[in-house]
Amino acid sequence: MSLLAVSRVQGSHPPARPTPGIIDRSFVCRRLQRNAIALIGAHPKAELLGSDEMVENLASSQAFEATDLVILRIALGAQRHTLLCIPERVWRGRKNDLLELKRLAGWSGRSCVLVPEAAIQKQPRLNCARAIDDAAGIEVTMEQRMELVMHLVERGKSSLLECASAVTHPSPFTAVLHLVAAGVLKMNIEAPLTPESTVEMADPG
């Protein structure tokens, strides 16, 4: 279900200001989508597959608008799930409709998970997930990876600061978070991200 596009009005007239009290629901949905994708990117076993057209069509048939839900298809190991990320106003006002949508999707062979906005926006997890997801795009060589692995093999557990000091990388903190995103290392993302955050080897498998 694509999000609503915001068009800029061309011409000499200044853009109209939003009417007081009117919530930009497209913004709420875009933010929810961005943050949900960051959480998926920070999960070492989750892979974003994109949208789910079948569930989008089911949602439309149940009178859900484009700004009512963010629908994302993910792989979690060998399993496939569809996340229904739900803005707070929809979660409060249409719970029965959401359960019915989940039931209809189940009949169609889709495993749907209802994810309320409050769960996605939860701190400090979201800020940690953003930092880890942002680090996924940098390059870490095999030599740099081995520096961190050997450091943790010797220590068992270490702080983020100590790990950063053990790797010869232009952005050492980001390099550590990159290996967390890759599933080589692990951290507790439910706790605030600080130089003293504990880093350890990920569980085998």
N, C-alpha and C. Protein backbone atom coordinates (compact mmCIF):
# COMPACT_ATOMS: atom_id res chain seq x y z
N MET A 1 0.87 -1.17 0.00
CA MET A 1 0.00 0.00 0.00
C MET A 1 0.90 1.22 0.00
N SER A 2 0.90 1.90 -1.07
CA SER A 2 1.82 3.02 -1.17
C SER A 2 1.34 4.18 -0.31
N LEU A 3 2.27 4.94 0.20
CA LEU A 3 1.95 6.10 1.01
C LEU A 3 1.54 7.24 0.11
N LEU A 4 0.77 8.17 0.65
CA LEU A 4 0.33 9.31 -0.14
C LEU A 4 1.49 10.20 -0.47
N ALA A 5 1.58 10.62 -1.70
CA ALA A 5 2.63 11.55 -2.11
C ALA A 5 2.21 12.96 -1.76
N VAL A 6 3.18 13.77 -1.42
CA VAL A 6 2.91 15.17 -1.11
C VAL A 6 3.35 16.00 -2.31
N SER A 7 2.43 16.69 -2.91
CA SER A 7 2.74 17.48 -4.10
C SER A 7 3.01 18.92 -3.71
N ARG A 8 3.98 19.53 -4.37
CA ARG A 8 4.25 20.94 -4.15
C ARG A 8 3.49 21.76 -5.18
N VAL A 9 2.82 22.75 -4.71
CA VAL A 9 2.06 23.61 -5.61
C VAL A 9 3.02 24.59 -6.26
N GLN A 10 3.03 24.63 -7.57
CA GLN A 10 3.88 25.54 -8.30
C GLN A 10 3.17 26.88 -8.48
N GLY A 11 3.91 27.95 -8.44
CA GLY A 11 3.32 29.26 -8.65
C GLY A 11 3.85 30.28 -7.68
N SER A 12 3.33 31.47 -7.75
CA SER A 12 3.85 32.56 -6.94
C SER A 12 3.25 32.62 -5.56
N HIS A 13 2.17 31.88 -5.32
CA HIS A 13 1.50 31.94 -4.02
C HIS A 13 2.24 31.09 -3.01
N PRO A 14 2.41 31.57 -1.79
CA PRO A 14 3.08 30.76 -0.77
C PRO A 14 2.23 29.56 -0.41
N PRO A 15 2.85 28.44 0.03
CA PRO A 15 2.07 27.26 0.39
C PRO A 15 1.17 27.55 1.57
N ALA A 16 0.00 26.95 1.53
CA ALA A 16 -0.96 27.15 2.62
C ALA A 16 -0.45 26.47 3.88
N ARG A 17 -0.68 27.11 4.99
CA ARG A 17 -0.28 26.51 6.26
C ARG A 17 -1.32 25.48 6.68
N PRO A 18 -0.84 24.39 7.35
CA PRO A 18 -1.80 23.39 7.81
C PRO A 18 -2.82 23.99 8.75
N THR A 19 -4.04 23.54 8.63
CA THR A 19 -5.10 24.01 9.52
C THR A 19 -4.83 23.50 10.92
N PRO A 20 -4.89 24.38 11.94
CA PRO A 20 -4.63 23.94 13.32
C PRO A 20 -5.54 22.77 13.70
N GLY A 21 -4.96 21.77 14.34
CA GLY A 21 -5.74 20.63 14.78
C GLY A 21 -5.83 19.50 13.76
N ILE A 22 -5.35 19.75 12.52
CA ILE A 22 -5.40 18.71 11.50
C ILE A 22 -4.09 17.93 11.52
N ILE A 23 -4.16 16.63 11.69
CA ILE A 23 -2.97 15.78 11.74
C ILE A 23 -2.63 15.33 10.33
N ASP A 24 -1.34 15.47 9.97
CA ASP A 24 -0.87 14.97 8.69
C ASP A 24 -0.69 13.46 8.80
N ARG A 25 -1.71 12.73 8.40
CA ARG A 25 -1.67 11.29 8.58
C ARG A 25 -0.64 10.63 7.68
N SER A 26 -0.35 11.25 6.53
CA SER A 26 0.67 10.67 5.66
C SER A 26 2.04 10.75 6.33
N PHE A 27 2.29 11.85 7.08
CA PHE A 27 3.56 11.96 7.81
C PHE A 27 3.66 10.89 8.88
N VAL A 28 2.59 10.67 9.63
CA VAL A 28 2.59 9.65 10.67
C VAL A 28 2.92 8.29 10.07
N CYS A 29 2.33 8.00 8.91
CA CYS A 29 2.55 6.70 8.27
C CYS A 29 3.96 6.59 7.71
N ARG A 30 4.47 7.67 7.14
CA ARG A 30 5.84 7.64 6.61
C ARG A 30 6.86 7.43 7.74
N ARG A 31 6.63 8.12 8.86
CA ARG A 31 7.53 7.94 10.01
C ARG A 31 7.46 6.52 10.54
N LEU A 32 6.25 5.97 10.60
CA LEU A 32 6.07 4.61 11.08
C LEU A 32 6.78 3.62 10.17
N GLN A 33 6.67 3.83 8.87
CA GLN A 33 7.34 2.95 7.91
C GLN A 33 8.86 3.04 8.05
N ARG A 34 9.37 4.25 8.15
CA ARG A 34 10.82 4.45 8.27
C ARG A 34 11.36 3.77 9.52
N ASN A 35 10.65 3.92 10.63
CA ASN A 35 11.13 3.34 11.88
C ASN A 35 10.98 1.82 11.90
N ALA A 36 9.92 1.31 11.31
CA ALA A 36 9.75 -0.14 11.22
C ALA A 36 10.86 -0.76 10.38
N ILE A 37 11.23 -0.11 9.29
CA ILE A 37 12.30 -0.62 8.43
C ILE A 37 13.63 -0.59 9.18
N ALA A 38 13.86 0.43 10.01
CA ALA A 38 15.08 0.49 10.80
C ALA A 38 15.14 -0.68 11.78
N LEU A 39 14.03 -1.02 12.42
CA LEU A 39 13.99 -2.14 13.36
C LEU A 39 14.26 -3.46 12.64
N ILE A 40 13.70 -3.59 11.45
CA ILE A 40 13.94 -4.81 10.66
C ILE A 40 15.41 -4.89 10.27
N GLY A 41 15.98 -3.75 9.83
CA GLY A 41 17.38 -3.73 9.42
C GLY A 41 18.34 -4.04 10.54
N ALA A 42 17.96 -3.72 11.77
CA ALA A 42 18.82 -3.97 12.93
C ALA A 42 18.72 -5.41 13.44
N HIS A 43 17.73 -6.14 12.94
CA HIS A 43 17.55 -7.53 13.38
C HIS A 43 18.41 -8.44 12.49
N PRO A 44 19.36 -9.16 13.06
CA PRO A 44 20.30 -9.93 12.23
C PRO A 44 19.66 -11.06 11.44
N LYS A 45 18.48 -11.51 11.85
CA LYS A 45 17.84 -12.64 11.15
C LYS A 45 16.65 -12.22 10.30
N ALA A 46 16.35 -10.93 10.26
CA ALA A 46 15.19 -10.46 9.51
C ALA A 46 15.62 -9.83 8.19
N GLU A 47 14.82 -10.05 7.17
CA GLU A 47 15.09 -9.46 5.86
C GLU A 47 13.81 -8.83 5.33
N LEU A 48 13.90 -7.59 4.90
CA LEU A 48 12.74 -6.90 4.33
C LEU A 48 12.53 -7.37 2.90
N LEU A 49 11.34 -7.87 2.61
CA LEU A 49 11.01 -8.36 1.27
C LEU A 49 10.22 -7.34 0.46
N GLY A 50 9.74 -6.29 1.12
CA GLY A 50 8.98 -5.26 0.41
C GLY A 50 7.53 -5.22 0.87
N SER A 51 6.66 -4.85 -0.04
CA SER A 51 5.24 -4.76 0.29
C SER A 51 4.56 -6.11 0.11
N ASP A 52 3.30 -6.18 0.47
CA ASP A 52 2.51 -7.40 0.30
C ASP A 52 1.20 -7.01 -0.37
N GLU A 53 1.19 -7.16 -1.69
CA GLU A 53 0.05 -6.67 -2.48
C GLU A 53 -1.24 -7.37 -2.11
N MET A 54 -1.16 -8.66 -1.81
CA MET A 54 -2.38 -9.39 -1.48
C MET A 54 -3.02 -8.85 -0.21
N VAL A 55 -2.21 -8.63 0.83
CA VAL A 55 -2.74 -8.11 2.09
C VAL A 55 -3.17 -6.65 1.91
N GLU A 56 -2.46 -5.90 1.08
CA GLU A 56 -2.88 -4.53 0.78
C GLU A 56 -4.28 -4.52 0.17
N ASN A 57 -4.54 -5.44 -0.75
CA ASN A 57 -5.86 -5.51 -1.38
C ASN A 57 -6.92 -5.92 -0.37
N LEU A 58 -6.58 -6.84 0.53
CA LEU A 58 -7.52 -7.22 1.57
C LEU A 58 -7.84 -6.03 2.48
N ALA A 59 -6.80 -5.26 2.83
CA ALA A 59 -7.00 -4.08 3.68
C ALA A 59 -7.91 -3.07 3.00
N SER A 60 -7.69 -2.87 1.72
CA SER A 60 -8.53 -1.93 0.97
C SER A 60 -9.99 -2.40 0.94
N SER A 61 -10.18 -3.71 0.81
CA SER A 61 -11.55 -4.25 0.79
C SER A 61 -12.25 -4.10 2.13
N GLN A 62 -11.46 -3.92 3.20
CA GLN A 62 -12.02 -3.72 4.54
C GLN A 62 -12.07 -2.23 4.91
N ALA A 63 -11.96 -1.38 3.90
CA ALA A 63 -12.09 0.08 4.07
C ALA A 63 -10.94 0.72 4.84
N PHE A 64 -9.77 0.11 4.79
CA PHE A 64 -8.59 0.76 5.33
C PHE A 64 -7.99 1.65 4.24
N GLU A 65 -7.67 2.89 4.62
CA GLU A 65 -7.07 3.84 3.69
C GLU A 65 -5.55 3.63 3.62
N ALA A 66 -4.93 4.31 2.64
CA ALA A 66 -3.48 4.18 2.45
C ALA A 66 -2.70 4.67 3.66
N THR A 67 -3.27 5.61 4.42
CA THR A 67 -2.58 6.15 5.60
C THR A 67 -3.03 5.49 6.90
N ASP A 68 -3.75 4.38 6.80
CA ASP A 68 -4.19 3.67 8.00
C ASP A 68 -3.21 2.61 8.45
N LEU A 69 -2.42 2.07 7.52
CA LEU A 69 -1.53 0.95 7.82
C LEU A 69 -0.24 1.06 7.02
N VAL A 70 0.83 0.53 7.59
CA VAL A 70 2.05 0.26 6.84
C VAL A 70 2.18 -1.26 6.78
N ILE A 71 2.21 -1.80 5.58
CA ILE A 71 2.21 -3.26 5.40
C ILE A 71 3.55 -3.67 4.80
N LEU A 72 4.31 -4.50 5.53
CA LEU A 72 5.64 -4.91 5.12
C LEU A 72 5.76 -6.42 5.19
N ARG A 73 6.34 -6.98 4.15
CA ARG A 73 6.58 -8.42 4.09
C ARG A 73 8.03 -8.69 4.49
N ILE A 74 8.24 -9.62 5.43
CA ILE A 74 9.60 -9.90 5.90
C ILE A 74 9.87 -11.40 5.88
N ALA A 75 11.16 -11.73 5.82
CA ALA A 75 11.61 -13.10 6.03
C ALA A 75 12.32 -13.14 7.37
N LEU A 76 12.01 -14.15 8.15
CA LEU A 76 12.68 -14.36 9.44
C LEU A 76 13.19 -15.79 9.42
N GLY A 77 14.44 -15.93 8.98
CA GLY A 77 14.94 -17.27 8.71
C GLY A 77 14.18 -17.87 7.55
N ALA A 78 13.65 -19.07 7.74
CA ALA A 78 12.88 -19.73 6.68
C ALA A 78 11.42 -19.32 6.66
N GLN A 79 11.00 -18.56 7.65
CA GLN A 79 9.59 -18.17 7.76
C GLN A 79 9.32 -16.85 7.05
N ARG A 80 8.09 -16.66 6.64
CA ARG A 80 7.65 -15.42 6.01
C ARG A 80 6.48 -14.86 6.81
N HIS A 81 6.52 -13.57 7.06
CA HIS A 81 5.45 -12.91 7.80
C HIS A 81 5.12 -11.58 7.15
N THR A 82 3.91 -11.12 7.37
CA THR A 82 3.50 -9.78 6.95
C THR A 82 3.23 -8.96 8.20
N LEU A 83 3.94 -7.84 8.32
CA LEU A 83 3.75 -6.95 9.46
C LEU A 83 2.70 -5.91 9.13
N LEU A 84 1.72 -5.78 9.99
CA LEU A 84 0.73 -4.70 9.87
C LEU A 84 1.10 -3.67 10.93
N CYS A 85 1.79 -2.63 10.52
CA CYS A 85 2.24 -1.58 11.44
C CYS A 85 1.14 -0.53 11.52
N ILE A 86 0.67 -0.26 12.74
CA ILE A 86 -0.62 0.41 12.91
C ILE A 86 -0.47 1.71 13.69
N PRO A 87 -0.81 2.85 13.07
CA PRO A 87 -0.82 4.12 13.81
C PRO A 87 -1.74 4.04 15.03
N GLU A 88 -1.41 4.82 16.04
CA GLU A 88 -2.13 4.75 17.31
C GLU A 88 -3.62 4.99 17.15
N ARG A 89 -4.00 5.96 16.32
CA ARG A 89 -5.43 6.27 16.17
C ARG A 89 -6.20 5.08 15.60
N VAL A 90 -5.58 4.30 14.70
CA VAL A 90 -6.22 3.12 14.12
C VAL A 90 -6.24 1.98 15.12
N TRP A 91 -5.14 1.84 15.86
CA TRP A 91 -5.06 0.80 16.89
C TRP A 91 -6.16 0.99 17.93
N ARG A 92 -6.40 2.24 18.32
CA ARG A 92 -7.44 2.53 19.33
C ARG A 92 -8.84 2.37 18.76
N GLY A 93 -9.03 2.78 17.51
CA GLY A 93 -10.38 2.89 16.97
C GLY A 93 -10.89 1.70 16.18
N ARG A 94 -9.97 0.82 15.69
CA ARG A 94 -10.43 -0.24 14.78
C ARG A 94 -9.82 -1.60 15.11
N LYS A 95 -9.71 -1.91 16.38
CA LYS A 95 -9.09 -3.18 16.76
C LYS A 95 -9.83 -4.38 16.19
N ASN A 96 -11.15 -4.34 16.24
CA ASN A 96 -11.92 -5.47 15.72
C ASN A 96 -11.70 -5.64 14.22
N ASP A 97 -11.63 -4.52 13.51
CA ASP A 97 -11.39 -4.58 12.06
C ASP A 97 -9.99 -5.13 11.77
N LEU A 98 -9.03 -4.76 12.61
CA LEU A 98 -7.66 -5.26 12.43
C LEU A 98 -7.60 -6.77 12.66
N LEU A 99 -8.30 -7.25 13.67
CA LEU A 99 -8.34 -8.69 13.93
C LEU A 99 -9.02 -9.42 12.79
N GLU A 100 -10.05 -8.81 12.22
CA GLU A 100 -10.73 -9.42 11.08
C GLU A 100 -9.82 -9.46 9.86
N LEU A 101 -9.06 -8.39 9.64
CA LEU A 101 -8.11 -8.37 8.53
C LEU A 101 -7.05 -9.46 8.72
N LYS A 102 -6.55 -9.61 9.92
CA LYS A 102 -5.57 -10.66 10.20
C LYS A 102 -6.17 -12.05 9.94
N ARG A 103 -7.43 -12.23 10.33
CA ARG A 103 -8.10 -13.52 10.11
C ARG A 103 -8.26 -13.81 8.62
N LEU A 104 -8.69 -12.80 7.85
CA LEU A 104 -8.86 -12.97 6.40
C LEU A 104 -7.51 -13.29 5.74
N ALA A 105 -6.47 -12.59 6.18
CA ALA A 105 -5.15 -12.84 5.61
C ALA A 105 -4.69 -14.26 5.93
N GLY A 106 -5.00 -14.73 7.14
CA GLY A 106 -4.65 -16.10 7.51
C GLY A 106 -5.33 -17.13 6.62
N TRP A 107 -6.60 -16.88 6.28
CA TRP A 107 -7.31 -17.77 5.36
C TRP A 107 -6.64 -17.80 3.99
N SER A 108 -6.00 -16.70 3.64
CA SER A 108 -5.33 -16.61 2.33
C SER A 108 -3.88 -17.09 2.37
N GLY A 109 -3.48 -17.64 3.52
CA GLY A 109 -2.14 -18.19 3.62
C GLY A 109 -1.07 -17.23 4.09
N ARG A 110 -1.47 -16.08 4.61
CA ARG A 110 -0.51 -15.10 5.10
C ARG A 110 -0.48 -15.10 6.62
N SER A 111 0.73 -15.18 7.15
CA SER A 111 0.93 -15.05 8.60
C SER A 111 1.15 -13.57 8.90
N CYS A 112 0.14 -12.94 9.50
CA CYS A 112 0.20 -11.50 9.78
C CYS A 112 0.46 -11.25 11.26
N VAL A 113 1.28 -10.25 11.53
CA VAL A 113 1.58 -9.83 12.89
C VAL A 113 1.14 -8.38 13.04
N LEU A 114 0.28 -8.12 14.02
CA LEU A 114 -0.17 -6.75 14.29
C LEU A 114 0.87 -6.05 15.18
N VAL A 115 1.39 -4.93 14.69
CA VAL A 115 2.43 -4.21 15.42
C VAL A 115 1.95 -2.78 15.68
N PRO A 116 1.53 -2.45 16.89
CA PRO A 116 1.05 -1.09 17.17
C PRO A 116 2.18 -0.08 17.13
N GLU A 117 1.83 1.16 16.85
CA GLU A 117 2.81 2.24 16.76
C GLU A 117 3.66 2.34 18.02
N ALA A 118 3.05 2.16 19.19
CA ALA A 118 3.79 2.30 20.45
C ALA A 118 4.94 1.30 20.53
N ALA A 119 4.77 0.11 19.98
CA ALA A 119 5.84 -0.89 20.01
C ALA A 119 6.99 -0.49 19.10
N ILE A 120 6.68 0.12 17.96
CA ILE A 120 7.72 0.55 17.02
C ILE A 120 8.46 1.77 17.55
N GLN A 121 7.75 2.69 18.18
CA GLN A 121 8.35 3.93 18.65
C GLN A 121 9.05 3.79 20.00
N LYS A 122 9.00 2.61 20.60
CA LYS A 122 9.54 2.43 21.95
C LYS A 122 11.02 2.78 22.02
N GLN A 123 11.37 3.58 23.01
CA GLN A 123 12.76 3.96 23.27
C GLN A 123 13.27 3.24 24.52
N PRO A 124 14.57 2.96 24.61
CA PRO A 124 15.65 3.38 23.68
C PRO A 124 15.85 2.45 22.50
N ARG A 125 15.00 1.42 22.38
CA ARG A 125 15.19 0.43 21.32
C ARG A 125 15.24 1.06 19.94
N LEU A 126 14.36 2.02 19.66
CA LEU A 126 14.32 2.60 18.32
C LEU A 126 15.60 3.33 17.97
N ASN A 127 16.12 4.12 18.91
CA ASN A 127 17.37 4.84 18.63
C ASN A 127 18.53 3.88 18.40
N CYS A 128 18.58 2.80 19.19
CA CYS A 128 19.63 1.79 18.99
C CYS A 128 19.48 1.13 17.62
N ALA A 129 18.26 0.79 17.26
CA ALA A 129 18.01 0.15 15.97
C ALA A 129 18.41 1.06 14.82
N ARG A 130 18.10 2.34 14.93
CA ARG A 130 18.49 3.29 13.87
C ARG A 130 20.00 3.32 13.70
N ALA A 131 20.73 3.38 14.82
CA ALA A 131 22.19 3.44 14.74
C ALA A 131 22.75 2.17 14.10
N ILE A 132 22.22 1.02 14.48
CA ILE A 132 22.69 -0.25 13.92
C ILE A 132 22.33 -0.35 12.45
N ASP A 133 21.11 0.03 12.09
CA ASP A 133 20.68 -0.03 10.69
C ASP A 133 21.51 0.91 9.82
N ASP A 134 21.82 2.11 10.33
CA ASP A 134 22.65 3.05 9.57
C ASP A 134 24.05 2.49 9.32
N ALA A 135 24.54 1.70 10.27
CA ALA A 135 25.90 1.15 10.15
C ALA A 135 25.98 0.00 9.16
N ALA A 136 24.84 -0.54 8.77
CA ALA A 136 24.85 -1.72 7.89
C ALA A 136 25.47 -1.43 6.53
N GLY A 137 25.46 -0.17 6.12
CA GLY A 137 25.92 0.16 4.77
C GLY A 137 27.41 0.43 4.64
N ILE A 138 28.16 0.46 5.74
CA ILE A 138 29.58 0.77 5.62
C ILE A 138 30.38 -0.50 5.30
N GLU A 139 31.62 -0.32 4.90
CA GLU A 139 32.47 -1.46 4.55
C GLU A 139 33.37 -1.82 5.73
N VAL A 140 33.39 -3.09 6.06
CA VAL A 140 34.30 -3.63 7.08
C VAL A 140 35.03 -4.80 6.45
N THR A 141 36.34 -4.73 6.41
CA THR A 141 37.13 -5.78 5.77
C THR A 141 37.18 -7.03 6.64
N MET A 142 37.62 -8.14 6.03
CA MET A 142 37.74 -9.38 6.79
C MET A 142 38.78 -9.23 7.91
N GLU A 143 39.85 -8.47 7.64
CA GLU A 143 40.87 -8.25 8.67
C GLU A 143 40.29 -7.48 9.86
N GLN A 144 39.50 -6.45 9.58
CA GLN A 144 38.88 -5.68 10.65
C GLN A 144 37.86 -6.53 11.42
N ARG A 145 37.13 -7.35 10.70
CA ARG A 145 36.18 -8.25 11.37
C ARG A 145 36.92 -9.19 12.32
N MET A 146 38.05 -9.73 11.85
CA MET A 146 38.80 -10.67 12.69
C MET A 146 39.40 -9.98 13.91
N GLU A 147 39.76 -8.70 13.79
CA GLU A 147 40.26 -7.96 14.95
C GLU A 147 39.21 -7.93 16.05
N LEU A 148 37.98 -7.67 15.67
CA LEU A 148 36.90 -7.61 16.66
C LEU A 148 36.56 -8.99 17.20
N VAL A 149 36.53 -9.97 16.31
CA VAL A 149 36.21 -11.33 16.75
C VAL A 149 37.26 -11.83 17.74
N MET A 150 38.53 -11.63 17.44
CA MET A 150 39.59 -12.10 18.33
C MET A 150 39.57 -11.35 19.66
N HIS A 151 39.25 -10.06 19.61
CA HIS A 151 39.13 -9.27 20.85
C HIS A 151 38.07 -9.88 21.76
N LEU A 152 36.92 -10.26 21.17
CA LEU A 152 35.83 -10.80 21.99
C LEU A 152 36.07 -12.25 22.36
N VAL A 153 36.79 -13.00 21.55
CA VAL A 153 37.14 -14.37 21.92
C VAL A 153 38.00 -14.34 23.18
N GLU A 154 38.90 -13.36 23.25
CA GLU A 154 39.78 -13.25 24.42
C GLU A 154 39.04 -12.72 25.65
N ARG A 155 38.10 -11.80 25.43
CA ARG A 155 37.44 -11.14 26.56
C ARG A 155 36.12 -11.81 26.97
N GLY A 156 35.47 -12.44 26.02
CA GLY A 156 34.13 -12.97 26.28
C GLY A 156 33.08 -11.90 26.03
N LYS A 157 33.13 -10.83 26.83
CA LYS A 157 32.27 -9.66 26.64
C LYS A 157 33.15 -8.43 26.72
N SER A 158 32.68 -7.34 26.12
CA SER A 158 33.46 -6.11 26.13
C SER A 158 32.51 -4.94 25.96
N SER A 159 33.00 -3.75 26.24
CA SER A 159 32.18 -2.56 26.03
C SER A 159 32.31 -2.11 24.58
N LEU A 160 31.36 -1.30 24.15
CA LEU A 160 31.42 -0.74 22.80
C LEU A 160 32.69 0.07 22.61
N LEU A 161 33.09 0.82 23.64
CA LEU A 161 34.31 1.62 23.57
C LEU A 161 35.55 0.74 23.41
N GLU A 162 35.62 -0.33 24.18
CA GLU A 162 36.77 -1.23 24.09
C GLU A 162 36.83 -1.91 22.73
N CYS A 163 35.68 -2.29 22.20
CA CYS A 163 35.64 -2.91 20.87
C CYS A 163 36.10 -1.92 19.81
N ALA A 164 35.63 -0.67 19.92
CA ALA A 164 36.03 0.35 18.95
C ALA A 164 37.53 0.59 19.00
N SER A 165 38.10 0.48 20.19
CA SER A 165 39.55 0.69 20.34
C SER A 165 40.35 -0.47 19.78
N ALA A 166 39.70 -1.62 19.60
CA ALA A 166 40.41 -2.82 19.15
C ALA A 166 40.43 -2.98 17.64
N VAL A 167 39.71 -2.12 16.91
CA VAL A 167 39.63 -2.28 15.46
C VAL A 167 40.27 -1.08 14.77
N THR A 168 41.03 -1.35 13.71
CA THR A 168 41.67 -0.28 12.94
C THR A 168 40.75 0.08 11.78
N HIS A 169 39.78 0.92 12.07
CA HIS A 169 38.78 1.33 11.07
C HIS A 169 38.59 2.83 11.18
N PRO A 170 38.36 3.55 10.05
CA PRO A 170 38.16 5.01 10.12
C PRO A 170 36.99 5.42 11.01
N SER A 171 35.96 4.57 11.09
CA SER A 171 34.81 4.83 11.96
C SER A 171 34.61 3.61 12.85
N PRO A 172 35.44 3.49 13.89
CA PRO A 172 35.45 2.23 14.66
C PRO A 172 34.13 1.89 15.35
N PHE A 173 33.43 2.89 15.90
CA PHE A 173 32.15 2.60 16.55
C PHE A 173 31.15 2.07 15.53
N THR A 174 31.13 2.70 14.34
CA THR A 174 30.22 2.26 13.29
C THR A 174 30.58 0.86 12.82
N ALA A 175 31.87 0.54 12.79
CA ALA A 175 32.30 -0.80 12.38
C ALA A 175 31.76 -1.86 13.33
N VAL A 176 31.78 -1.57 14.62
CA VAL A 176 31.24 -2.51 15.59
C VAL A 176 29.74 -2.70 15.36
N LEU A 177 29.02 -1.60 15.18
CA LEU A 177 27.57 -1.69 14.96
C LEU A 177 27.27 -2.40 13.65
N HIS A 178 28.13 -2.25 12.64
CA HIS A 178 27.96 -2.95 11.37
C HIS A 178 27.94 -4.47 11.61
N LEU A 179 28.86 -4.96 12.45
CA LEU A 179 28.90 -6.39 12.72
C LEU A 179 27.73 -6.85 13.60
N VAL A 180 27.14 -5.93 14.36
CA VAL A 180 25.90 -6.24 15.08
C VAL A 180 24.78 -6.42 14.06
N ALA A 181 24.69 -5.51 13.10
CA ALA A 181 23.67 -5.60 12.05
C ALA A 181 23.83 -6.88 11.23
N ALA A 182 25.09 -7.31 11.03
CA ALA A 182 25.36 -8.51 10.23
C ALA A 182 25.13 -9.79 11.00
N GLY A 183 24.89 -9.69 12.32
CA GLY A 183 24.65 -10.87 13.13
C GLY A 183 25.91 -11.55 13.63
N VAL A 184 27.07 -10.91 13.45
CA VAL A 184 28.33 -11.48 13.95
C VAL A 184 28.46 -11.20 15.45
N LEU A 185 28.09 -9.98 15.86
CA LEU A 185 28.10 -9.58 17.26
C LEU A 185 26.68 -9.30 17.71
N LYS A 186 26.49 -9.18 19.02
CA LYS A 186 25.16 -8.83 19.51
C LYS A 186 25.26 -7.84 20.65
N MET A 187 24.20 -7.04 20.80
CA MET A 187 24.05 -6.06 21.86
C MET A 187 22.61 -6.09 22.35
N ASN A 188 22.39 -5.57 23.52
CA ASN A 188 21.04 -5.41 24.04
C ASN A 188 20.50 -4.07 23.57
N ILE A 189 19.62 -4.08 22.56
CA ILE A 189 19.12 -2.81 22.03
C ILE A 189 17.97 -2.25 22.87
N GLU A 190 17.59 -2.96 23.93
CA GLU A 190 16.56 -2.43 24.82
C GLU A 190 17.15 -1.42 25.81
N ALA A 191 18.47 -1.37 25.89
CA ALA A 191 19.16 -0.43 26.79
C ALA A 191 19.71 0.73 25.99
N PRO A 192 19.91 1.90 26.62
CA PRO A 192 20.48 3.05 25.90
C PRO A 192 21.84 2.71 25.30
N LEU A 193 22.10 3.25 24.11
CA LEU A 193 23.37 3.03 23.43
C LEU A 193 24.40 4.02 23.97
N THR A 194 25.43 3.51 24.65
CA THR A 194 26.48 4.34 25.23
C THR A 194 27.83 3.66 24.98
N PRO A 195 28.95 4.36 25.22
CA PRO A 195 30.25 3.70 25.08
C PRO A 195 30.42 2.48 25.97
N GLU A 196 29.61 2.40 27.04
CA GLU A 196 29.71 1.26 27.96
C GLU A 196 28.75 0.13 27.60
N SER A 197 28.01 0.26 26.52
CA SER A 197 27.10 -0.82 26.11
C SER A 197 27.87 -2.12 25.90
N THR A 198 27.31 -3.22 26.38
CA THR A 198 27.98 -4.52 26.30
C THR A 198 27.86 -5.12 24.91
N VAL A 199 28.99 -5.58 24.39
CA VAL A 199 29.05 -6.25 23.09
C VAL A 199 29.61 -7.65 23.32
N GLU A 200 29.03 -8.64 22.64
CA GLU A 200 29.54 -9.99 22.74
C GLU A 200 29.31 -10.72 21.42
N MET A 201 29.90 -11.91 21.30
CA MET A 201 29.70 -12.70 20.10
C MET A 201 28.26 -13.15 20.02
N ALA A 202 27.72 -13.17 18.80
CA ALA A 202 26.36 -13.64 18.61
C ALA A 202 26.31 -15.15 18.86
N ASP A 203 25.12 -15.62 19.21
CA ASP A 203 24.94 -17.05 19.44
C ASP A 203 25.17 -17.81 18.14
N PRO A 204 25.81 -18.98 18.17
CA PRO A 204 26.02 -19.78 16.96
C PRO A 204 24.69 -20.10 16.28
N GLY A 205 24.66 -19.99 14.94
CA GLY A 205 23.46 -20.29 14.19
C GLY A 205 22.47 -19.17 14.17
